[in-house]
N, C-alpha and C. Protein backbone atom coordinates (compact mmCIF):
# COMPACT_ATOMS: atom_id res chain seq x y z
N MET A 1 -0.90 11.88 25.14
CA MET A 1 -0.21 13.14 24.99
C MET A 1 -0.61 13.79 23.66
N ALA A 2 -1.09 15.01 23.73
CA ALA A 2 -1.53 15.73 22.54
C ALA A 2 -0.34 16.25 21.76
N ILE A 3 -0.51 16.29 20.44
CA ILE A 3 0.51 16.83 19.55
C ILE A 3 -0.08 18.10 18.94
N GLN A 4 0.67 19.20 19.03
CA GLN A 4 0.16 20.48 18.55
C GLN A 4 1.01 21.03 17.42
N SER A 5 0.32 21.65 16.46
CA SER A 5 1.00 22.30 15.34
C SER A 5 0.22 23.55 14.97
N THR A 6 0.92 24.58 14.56
CA THR A 6 0.29 25.83 14.13
C THR A 6 0.66 26.09 12.68
N THR A 7 -0.35 26.47 11.91
CA THR A 7 -0.16 26.76 10.49
C THR A 7 -0.76 28.12 10.17
N VAL A 8 -0.01 28.94 9.49
CA VAL A 8 -0.53 30.21 8.97
C VAL A 8 -0.85 29.97 7.49
N TYR A 9 -2.07 30.24 7.12
CA TYR A 9 -2.51 30.00 5.74
C TYR A 9 -2.11 31.19 4.86
N THR A 10 -0.85 31.19 4.46
CA THR A 10 -0.34 32.24 3.58
C THR A 10 -0.78 31.98 2.15
N LYS A 11 -0.62 32.98 1.32
CA LYS A 11 -0.95 32.85 -0.10
C LYS A 11 -0.15 31.71 -0.73
N GLU A 12 1.14 31.65 -0.43
CA GLU A 12 2.00 30.61 -1.01
C GLU A 12 1.56 29.22 -0.56
N ARG A 13 1.20 29.09 0.71
CA ARG A 13 0.78 27.78 1.24
C ARG A 13 -0.53 27.34 0.60
N LEU A 14 -1.46 28.25 0.42
CA LEU A 14 -2.74 27.92 -0.22
C LEU A 14 -2.53 27.52 -1.68
N LEU A 15 -1.62 28.22 -2.37
CA LEU A 15 -1.34 27.88 -3.77
C LEU A 15 -0.64 26.52 -3.88
N ARG A 16 0.26 26.22 -2.95
CA ARG A 16 0.91 24.90 -2.96
C ARG A 16 -0.11 23.79 -2.75
N PHE A 17 -1.09 24.03 -1.90
CA PHE A 17 -2.16 23.06 -1.69
C PHE A 17 -2.95 22.86 -2.99
N ASN A 18 -3.29 23.96 -3.66
CA ASN A 18 -3.98 23.86 -4.93
C ASN A 18 -3.15 23.08 -5.95
N ASP A 19 -1.87 23.38 -6.05
CA ASP A 19 -1.01 22.68 -7.00
C ASP A 19 -0.93 21.19 -6.66
N TYR A 20 -0.87 20.86 -5.38
CA TYR A 20 -0.84 19.45 -4.96
C TYR A 20 -2.11 18.73 -5.43
N ILE A 21 -3.25 19.37 -5.26
CA ILE A 21 -4.51 18.77 -5.69
C ILE A 21 -4.52 18.58 -7.20
N VAL A 22 -4.08 19.60 -7.94
CA VAL A 22 -4.07 19.51 -9.41
C VAL A 22 -3.17 18.36 -9.87
N LEU A 23 -2.01 18.22 -9.24
CA LEU A 23 -1.06 17.20 -9.69
C LEU A 23 -1.40 15.80 -9.20
N THR A 24 -2.17 15.68 -8.12
CA THR A 24 -2.46 14.34 -7.60
C THR A 24 -3.91 13.95 -7.75
N LYS A 25 -4.81 14.78 -7.32
CA LYS A 25 -6.23 14.42 -7.30
C LYS A 25 -6.94 14.68 -8.62
N ARG A 26 -6.50 15.70 -9.35
CA ARG A 26 -7.18 16.05 -10.61
C ARG A 26 -6.39 15.62 -11.84
N ALA A 27 -5.35 14.86 -11.64
CA ALA A 27 -4.54 14.44 -12.78
C ALA A 27 -5.37 13.65 -13.78
N LEU A 28 -6.37 12.92 -13.31
CA LEU A 28 -7.22 12.16 -14.21
C LEU A 28 -8.05 13.05 -15.11
N HIS A 29 -8.16 14.34 -14.77
CA HIS A 29 -8.91 15.27 -15.61
C HIS A 29 -8.04 15.83 -16.74
N TRP A 30 -6.85 16.28 -16.40
CA TRP A 30 -6.08 17.02 -17.40
C TRP A 30 -5.08 16.16 -18.17
N ILE A 31 -4.63 15.05 -17.65
CA ILE A 31 -3.67 14.22 -18.39
C ILE A 31 -4.32 13.60 -19.64
N PRO A 32 -5.51 12.99 -19.55
CA PRO A 32 -6.13 12.48 -20.80
C PRO A 32 -6.39 13.57 -21.82
N LEU A 33 -6.76 14.75 -21.36
CA LEU A 33 -6.99 15.87 -22.27
C LEU A 33 -5.70 16.25 -22.99
N LEU A 34 -4.61 16.28 -22.26
CA LEU A 34 -3.31 16.59 -22.85
C LEU A 34 -2.90 15.53 -23.88
N VAL A 35 -3.09 14.27 -23.54
CA VAL A 35 -2.75 13.18 -24.47
C VAL A 35 -3.62 13.27 -25.72
N ALA A 36 -4.92 13.51 -25.54
CA ALA A 36 -5.81 13.64 -26.69
C ALA A 36 -5.40 14.82 -27.57
N SER A 37 -5.01 15.91 -26.94
CA SER A 37 -4.56 17.08 -27.70
C SER A 37 -3.32 16.76 -28.51
N LEU A 38 -2.38 16.04 -27.91
CA LEU A 38 -1.17 15.66 -28.64
C LEU A 38 -1.49 14.77 -29.84
N VAL A 39 -2.43 13.85 -29.66
CA VAL A 39 -2.84 12.98 -30.76
C VAL A 39 -3.48 13.81 -31.88
N VAL A 40 -4.34 14.75 -31.52
CA VAL A 40 -4.99 15.61 -32.52
C VAL A 40 -3.95 16.44 -33.27
N PHE A 41 -2.99 17.02 -32.53
CA PHE A 41 -1.95 17.82 -33.19
C PHE A 41 -1.08 16.96 -34.10
N ALA A 42 -0.74 15.77 -33.65
CA ALA A 42 0.06 14.87 -34.49
C ALA A 42 -0.71 14.48 -35.74
N SER A 43 -2.00 14.19 -35.59
CA SER A 43 -2.83 13.84 -36.76
C SER A 43 -2.95 15.01 -37.72
N ALA A 44 -3.15 16.20 -37.14
CA ALA A 44 -3.27 17.39 -37.99
C ALA A 44 -1.97 17.65 -38.73
N PHE A 45 -0.85 17.50 -38.05
CA PHE A 45 0.45 17.74 -38.67
C PHE A 45 0.73 16.72 -39.76
N LEU A 46 0.49 15.44 -39.45
CA LEU A 46 0.77 14.38 -40.42
C LEU A 46 -0.27 14.32 -41.53
N GLY A 47 -1.50 14.78 -41.22
CA GLY A 47 -2.57 14.73 -42.21
C GLY A 47 -2.67 15.96 -43.07
N GLY A 48 -1.77 16.90 -42.92
CA GLY A 48 -1.77 18.07 -43.77
C GLY A 48 -2.75 19.16 -43.35
N PHE A 49 -3.21 19.15 -42.13
CA PHE A 49 -4.10 20.19 -41.60
C PHE A 49 -5.34 20.36 -42.47
N SER A 50 -6.07 19.27 -42.66
CA SER A 50 -7.36 19.38 -43.36
C SER A 50 -8.30 20.23 -42.51
N ASP A 51 -9.41 20.64 -43.09
CA ASP A 51 -10.34 21.50 -42.35
C ASP A 51 -10.82 20.84 -41.06
N PHE A 52 -11.16 19.56 -41.14
CA PHE A 52 -11.64 18.86 -39.96
C PHE A 52 -10.56 18.76 -38.89
N LEU A 53 -9.36 18.36 -39.28
CA LEU A 53 -8.28 18.22 -38.31
C LEU A 53 -7.86 19.58 -37.75
N SER A 54 -7.93 20.61 -38.55
CA SER A 54 -7.63 21.96 -38.05
C SER A 54 -8.66 22.40 -37.02
N LEU A 55 -9.93 22.07 -37.27
CA LEU A 55 -10.98 22.39 -36.30
C LEU A 55 -10.76 21.61 -35.00
N CYS A 56 -10.41 20.34 -35.11
CA CYS A 56 -10.13 19.52 -33.92
C CYS A 56 -8.94 20.08 -33.15
N ALA A 57 -7.91 20.50 -33.86
CA ALA A 57 -6.74 21.08 -33.19
C ALA A 57 -7.12 22.37 -32.48
N LEU A 58 -7.95 23.19 -33.10
CA LEU A 58 -8.40 24.43 -32.48
C LEU A 58 -9.22 24.15 -31.22
N ILE A 59 -10.11 23.18 -31.28
CA ILE A 59 -10.91 22.79 -30.11
C ILE A 59 -9.99 22.28 -29.00
N ALA A 60 -8.99 21.49 -29.37
CA ALA A 60 -8.05 20.97 -28.37
C ALA A 60 -7.29 22.10 -27.69
N VAL A 61 -6.88 23.10 -28.46
CA VAL A 61 -6.16 24.24 -27.88
C VAL A 61 -7.07 25.00 -26.92
N VAL A 62 -8.31 25.24 -27.31
CA VAL A 62 -9.25 25.95 -26.44
C VAL A 62 -9.48 25.17 -25.14
N CYS A 63 -9.65 23.85 -25.24
CA CYS A 63 -9.85 23.03 -24.04
C CYS A 63 -8.61 23.05 -23.15
N ASP A 64 -7.44 22.93 -23.74
CA ASP A 64 -6.20 22.95 -22.95
C ASP A 64 -6.02 24.28 -22.23
N VAL A 65 -6.30 25.38 -22.92
CA VAL A 65 -6.17 26.70 -22.31
C VAL A 65 -7.20 26.86 -21.18
N ALA A 66 -8.41 26.37 -21.40
CA ALA A 66 -9.45 26.47 -20.36
C ALA A 66 -9.06 25.69 -19.11
N VAL A 67 -8.54 24.48 -19.29
CA VAL A 67 -8.12 23.67 -18.15
C VAL A 67 -6.94 24.33 -17.44
N LEU A 68 -5.98 24.80 -18.19
CA LEU A 68 -4.83 25.49 -17.61
C LEU A 68 -5.29 26.70 -16.81
N PHE A 69 -6.19 27.47 -17.36
CA PHE A 69 -6.71 28.65 -16.68
C PHE A 69 -7.45 28.26 -15.40
N ALA A 70 -8.34 27.27 -15.49
CA ALA A 70 -9.17 26.88 -14.34
C ALA A 70 -8.35 26.27 -13.21
N TYR A 71 -7.35 25.47 -13.54
CA TYR A 71 -6.62 24.74 -12.51
C TYR A 71 -5.40 25.48 -11.99
N LEU A 72 -4.75 26.29 -12.80
CA LEU A 72 -3.50 26.90 -12.37
C LEU A 72 -3.52 28.42 -12.29
N ILE A 73 -4.18 29.07 -13.22
CA ILE A 73 -4.14 30.54 -13.26
C ILE A 73 -5.23 31.16 -12.39
N LEU A 74 -6.46 30.70 -12.51
CA LEU A 74 -7.57 31.27 -11.74
C LEU A 74 -7.32 31.22 -10.22
N PRO A 75 -6.81 30.11 -9.67
CA PRO A 75 -6.53 30.13 -8.22
C PRO A 75 -5.52 31.20 -7.82
N ARG A 76 -4.57 31.51 -8.68
CA ARG A 76 -3.58 32.54 -8.36
C ARG A 76 -4.19 33.93 -8.36
N ILE A 77 -5.29 34.09 -9.09
CA ILE A 77 -6.00 35.37 -9.12
C ILE A 77 -6.92 35.50 -7.91
N THR A 78 -7.60 34.42 -7.55
CA THR A 78 -8.63 34.48 -6.52
C THR A 78 -8.12 34.22 -5.10
N VAL A 79 -6.90 33.70 -4.94
CA VAL A 79 -6.43 33.35 -3.61
C VAL A 79 -6.36 34.56 -2.68
N GLY A 80 -6.16 35.73 -3.23
CA GLY A 80 -6.12 36.94 -2.41
C GLY A 80 -7.46 37.26 -1.74
N LYS A 81 -8.54 36.65 -2.24
CA LYS A 81 -9.87 36.88 -1.67
C LYS A 81 -10.34 35.73 -0.79
N ALA A 82 -9.50 34.73 -0.61
CA ALA A 82 -9.89 33.56 0.19
C ALA A 82 -10.14 33.96 1.63
N LYS A 83 -11.22 33.45 2.21
CA LYS A 83 -11.55 33.77 3.60
C LYS A 83 -10.50 33.22 4.56
N SER A 84 -9.83 32.16 4.15
CA SER A 84 -8.84 31.54 5.03
C SER A 84 -7.46 32.19 4.94
N LEU A 85 -7.29 33.13 4.01
CA LEU A 85 -5.99 33.78 3.83
C LEU A 85 -5.54 34.45 5.12
N ASN A 86 -4.31 34.17 5.52
CA ASN A 86 -3.68 34.71 6.72
C ASN A 86 -4.32 34.25 8.03
N SER A 87 -5.16 33.22 7.96
CA SER A 87 -5.70 32.64 9.19
C SER A 87 -4.61 31.85 9.90
N ILE A 88 -4.68 31.85 11.21
CA ILE A 88 -3.78 31.05 12.02
C ILE A 88 -4.57 29.85 12.52
N CYS A 89 -4.13 28.67 12.18
CA CYS A 89 -4.83 27.45 12.56
C CYS A 89 -3.95 26.66 13.53
N ARG A 90 -4.50 26.38 14.70
CA ARG A 90 -3.80 25.57 15.70
C ARG A 90 -4.45 24.21 15.75
N PHE A 91 -3.68 23.20 15.40
CA PHE A 91 -4.16 21.82 15.38
C PHE A 91 -3.68 21.11 16.64
N THR A 92 -4.59 20.48 17.34
CA THR A 92 -4.25 19.68 18.50
C THR A 92 -4.74 18.26 18.24
N PHE A 93 -3.80 17.37 18.00
CA PHE A 93 -4.12 15.97 17.73
C PHE A 93 -4.18 15.22 19.05
N GLU A 94 -5.39 14.83 19.44
CA GLU A 94 -5.58 14.03 20.64
C GLU A 94 -5.87 12.59 20.23
N GLU A 95 -5.99 11.73 21.20
CA GLU A 95 -6.17 10.30 20.92
C GLU A 95 -7.38 10.01 20.05
N ASN A 96 -8.50 10.66 20.31
CA ASN A 96 -9.74 10.33 19.59
C ASN A 96 -10.32 11.48 18.77
N GLN A 97 -9.64 12.61 18.76
CA GLN A 97 -10.18 13.75 18.04
C GLN A 97 -9.09 14.76 17.70
N LEU A 98 -9.43 15.58 16.74
CA LEU A 98 -8.58 16.71 16.36
C LEU A 98 -9.32 17.98 16.77
N ILE A 99 -8.64 18.85 17.49
CA ILE A 99 -9.22 20.13 17.87
C ILE A 99 -8.53 21.20 17.02
N LEU A 100 -9.33 21.98 16.33
CA LEU A 100 -8.82 23.02 15.44
C LEU A 100 -9.31 24.37 15.93
N THR A 101 -8.37 25.25 16.23
CA THR A 101 -8.69 26.62 16.60
C THR A 101 -8.21 27.52 15.47
N THR A 102 -9.14 28.25 14.88
CA THR A 102 -8.84 29.13 13.75
C THR A 102 -9.05 30.58 14.19
N GLN A 103 -8.08 31.40 13.81
CA GLN A 103 -8.14 32.81 14.19
C GLN A 103 -7.71 33.66 13.00
N ASN A 104 -8.50 34.70 12.73
CA ASN A 104 -8.11 35.71 11.74
C ASN A 104 -8.67 37.05 12.17
N ASP A 105 -8.59 38.04 11.31
CA ASP A 105 -9.03 39.39 11.66
C ASP A 105 -10.51 39.47 12.02
N GLN A 106 -11.31 38.56 11.48
CA GLN A 106 -12.75 38.66 11.64
C GLN A 106 -13.34 37.74 12.70
N MET A 107 -12.61 36.67 13.07
CA MET A 107 -13.22 35.73 14.00
C MET A 107 -12.18 34.82 14.65
N GLU A 108 -12.65 34.13 15.67
CA GLU A 108 -11.89 33.05 16.29
C GLU A 108 -12.88 31.93 16.56
N ASP A 109 -12.52 30.72 16.15
CA ASP A 109 -13.45 29.60 16.26
C ASP A 109 -12.68 28.34 16.64
N THR A 110 -13.31 27.51 17.42
CA THR A 110 -12.74 26.22 17.78
C THR A 110 -13.71 25.13 17.34
N SER A 111 -13.19 24.14 16.64
CA SER A 111 -13.99 23.01 16.16
C SER A 111 -13.31 21.72 16.57
N THR A 112 -14.12 20.70 16.77
CA THR A 112 -13.62 19.38 17.13
C THR A 112 -14.06 18.40 16.05
N PHE A 113 -13.12 17.57 15.61
CA PHE A 113 -13.40 16.59 14.56
C PHE A 113 -12.98 15.20 15.02
N ARG A 114 -13.81 14.23 14.77
CA ARG A 114 -13.39 12.83 14.92
C ARG A 114 -12.53 12.51 13.71
N TYR A 115 -11.60 11.62 13.86
CA TYR A 115 -10.72 11.27 12.74
C TYR A 115 -11.50 10.63 11.59
N SER A 116 -12.63 10.02 11.88
CA SER A 116 -13.44 9.41 10.82
C SER A 116 -14.05 10.45 9.90
N PHE A 117 -14.05 11.73 10.31
CA PHE A 117 -14.57 12.82 9.48
C PHE A 117 -13.70 13.02 8.23
N PHE A 118 -12.42 12.72 8.34
CA PHE A 118 -11.48 12.98 7.25
C PHE A 118 -11.48 11.83 6.26
N THR A 119 -11.35 12.18 4.98
CA THR A 119 -11.35 11.16 3.94
C THR A 119 -9.96 10.64 3.60
N ALA A 120 -8.93 11.44 3.89
CA ALA A 120 -7.55 11.02 3.59
C ALA A 120 -6.59 11.96 4.32
N ALA A 121 -5.36 11.47 4.48
CA ALA A 121 -4.28 12.27 5.04
C ALA A 121 -3.05 12.02 4.19
N ASP A 122 -2.49 13.08 3.61
CA ASP A 122 -1.31 12.97 2.75
C ASP A 122 -0.20 13.86 3.31
N LYS A 123 0.94 13.25 3.60
CA LYS A 123 2.10 14.02 4.02
C LYS A 123 2.96 14.26 2.80
N ASN A 124 3.31 15.52 2.57
CA ASN A 124 4.14 15.90 1.44
C ASN A 124 5.19 16.88 1.96
N GLY A 125 6.41 16.40 2.15
CA GLY A 125 7.46 17.24 2.72
C GLY A 125 7.16 17.54 4.17
N ASP A 126 7.16 18.82 4.53
CA ASP A 126 6.86 19.24 5.90
C ASP A 126 5.41 19.64 6.08
N VAL A 127 4.54 19.15 5.22
CA VAL A 127 3.13 19.52 5.28
C VAL A 127 2.28 18.26 5.29
N LEU A 128 1.23 18.30 6.10
CA LEU A 128 0.24 17.23 6.13
C LEU A 128 -1.07 17.81 5.64
N TYR A 129 -1.65 17.20 4.63
CA TYR A 129 -2.96 17.62 4.14
C TYR A 129 -4.00 16.66 4.69
N LEU A 130 -4.95 17.19 5.44
CA LEU A 130 -6.06 16.40 5.98
C LEU A 130 -7.29 16.73 5.15
N PHE A 131 -7.69 15.79 4.31
CA PHE A 131 -8.79 16.03 3.38
C PHE A 131 -10.14 15.76 4.03
N ILE A 132 -11.08 16.68 3.78
CA ILE A 132 -12.46 16.50 4.22
C ILE A 132 -13.35 16.13 3.04
N SER A 133 -12.83 16.29 1.85
CA SER A 133 -13.48 15.85 0.61
C SER A 133 -12.35 15.61 -0.40
N ARG A 134 -12.71 15.28 -1.61
CA ARG A 134 -11.68 14.98 -2.61
C ARG A 134 -10.76 16.17 -2.89
N TYR A 135 -11.30 17.39 -2.84
CA TYR A 135 -10.53 18.57 -3.21
C TYR A 135 -10.39 19.61 -2.10
N GLN A 136 -10.89 19.33 -0.92
CA GLN A 136 -10.82 20.30 0.17
C GLN A 136 -10.19 19.66 1.40
N GLY A 137 -9.45 20.47 2.12
CA GLY A 137 -8.84 19.93 3.32
C GLY A 137 -8.13 20.99 4.13
N PHE A 138 -7.50 20.53 5.19
CA PHE A 138 -6.73 21.39 6.07
C PHE A 138 -5.24 21.19 5.79
N ILE A 139 -4.48 22.24 6.01
CA ILE A 139 -3.03 22.23 5.80
C ILE A 139 -2.37 22.29 7.17
N VAL A 140 -1.61 21.26 7.50
CA VAL A 140 -0.94 21.20 8.80
C VAL A 140 0.56 21.32 8.56
N ASP A 141 1.16 22.36 9.11
CA ASP A 141 2.61 22.57 8.99
C ASP A 141 3.31 21.68 10.01
N LEU A 142 4.13 20.75 9.52
CA LEU A 142 4.84 19.83 10.41
C LEU A 142 6.26 20.29 10.73
N SER A 143 6.70 21.39 10.14
CA SER A 143 8.10 21.81 10.30
C SER A 143 8.43 22.18 11.75
N GLY A 144 7.44 22.56 12.53
CA GLY A 144 7.69 22.91 13.92
C GLY A 144 7.67 21.73 14.87
N LEU A 145 7.39 20.54 14.34
CA LEU A 145 7.35 19.35 15.18
C LEU A 145 8.71 18.67 15.20
N SER A 146 9.07 18.15 16.34
CA SER A 146 10.32 17.38 16.45
C SER A 146 10.14 16.05 15.70
N PRO A 147 11.24 15.38 15.36
CA PRO A 147 11.13 14.07 14.73
C PRO A 147 10.31 13.08 15.57
N GLU A 148 10.45 13.17 16.87
CA GLU A 148 9.68 12.27 17.75
C GLU A 148 8.19 12.59 17.67
N GLU A 149 7.84 13.88 17.66
CA GLU A 149 6.43 14.27 17.54
C GLU A 149 5.86 13.84 16.19
N GLN A 150 6.65 13.98 15.13
CA GLN A 150 6.18 13.54 13.82
C GLN A 150 5.95 12.03 13.81
N SER A 151 6.86 11.30 14.43
CA SER A 151 6.72 9.85 14.51
C SER A 151 5.46 9.48 15.31
N ASN A 152 5.23 10.17 16.42
CA ASN A 152 4.03 9.92 17.22
C ASN A 152 2.76 10.25 16.45
N LEU A 153 2.79 11.33 15.67
CA LEU A 153 1.63 11.71 14.86
C LEU A 153 1.37 10.66 13.78
N ARG A 154 2.43 10.20 13.17
CA ARG A 154 2.27 9.15 12.15
C ARG A 154 1.67 7.90 12.76
N THR A 155 2.13 7.51 13.93
CA THR A 155 1.58 6.34 14.61
C THR A 155 0.10 6.54 14.93
N LEU A 156 -0.24 7.72 15.46
CA LEU A 156 -1.63 8.02 15.78
C LEU A 156 -2.51 7.94 14.54
N LEU A 157 -2.08 8.59 13.46
CA LEU A 157 -2.89 8.62 12.24
C LEU A 157 -2.97 7.24 11.59
N SER A 158 -1.92 6.44 11.69
CA SER A 158 -1.97 5.10 11.11
C SER A 158 -2.96 4.21 11.86
N GLN A 159 -3.25 4.55 13.11
CA GLN A 159 -4.26 3.81 13.87
C GLN A 159 -5.67 4.29 13.53
N LYS A 160 -5.79 5.52 13.07
CA LYS A 160 -7.10 6.12 12.82
C LYS A 160 -7.55 6.04 11.36
N PHE A 161 -6.60 5.93 10.44
CA PHE A 161 -6.93 5.90 9.02
C PHE A 161 -6.67 4.51 8.45
N PRO A 162 -7.55 4.05 7.54
CA PRO A 162 -7.19 2.83 6.80
C PRO A 162 -5.91 3.08 6.00
N GLN A 163 -5.15 2.03 5.76
CA GLN A 163 -3.83 2.17 5.14
C GLN A 163 -3.87 2.93 3.82
N LYS A 164 -4.88 2.68 3.00
CA LYS A 164 -4.92 3.35 1.68
C LYS A 164 -5.33 4.82 1.78
N GLN A 165 -5.82 5.26 2.93
CA GLN A 165 -6.19 6.66 3.10
C GLN A 165 -5.08 7.50 3.73
N LEU A 166 -4.00 6.87 4.17
CA LEU A 166 -2.89 7.59 4.78
C LEU A 166 -1.65 7.43 3.91
N LYS A 167 -1.19 8.56 3.38
CA LYS A 167 0.03 8.58 2.57
C LYS A 167 1.05 9.40 3.35
N TRP A 168 2.04 8.74 3.88
CA TRP A 168 3.04 9.42 4.70
C TRP A 168 4.41 9.06 4.15
N LYS A 169 5.05 10.03 3.52
CA LYS A 169 6.38 9.84 2.97
C LYS A 169 7.36 10.67 3.78
N ASP A 170 8.40 10.03 4.31
CA ASP A 170 9.42 10.78 5.07
C ASP A 170 10.45 11.37 4.15
């Protein structure tokens, strides 16, 4: 029995996906930078802001602002130009494949994927992220599925994904 879900890729949904990636997948990029910046600021403060420590603090501020801009601000500026914005995606989960039908103002396309194509599946609230790479994936809205359908989908995906690639939190 196939399980179907429809997702509209709204601006808010795309930004939530970006935020999820920043907080989970890219945390190894920005957390060490933040810690290093705090150490530099503490050293500069305790060391009396010598020329060298002031330069280090300035570099840390520039790096922190650049990371903040790249990960959080720039996506909010560019999401309005995303090709997937306002696309309607219909996901049909079958026993051995996922069928995705995408429709927007410019096109309609149907693609078929084997589950082995995906690198990970993360459920976060009423959303399932199906990753095709470390930072790219599909957004599946689970809010329209009954509890039984969600349970069946979880069972299906747990059979198709290795345990460490499937994160499903109820």
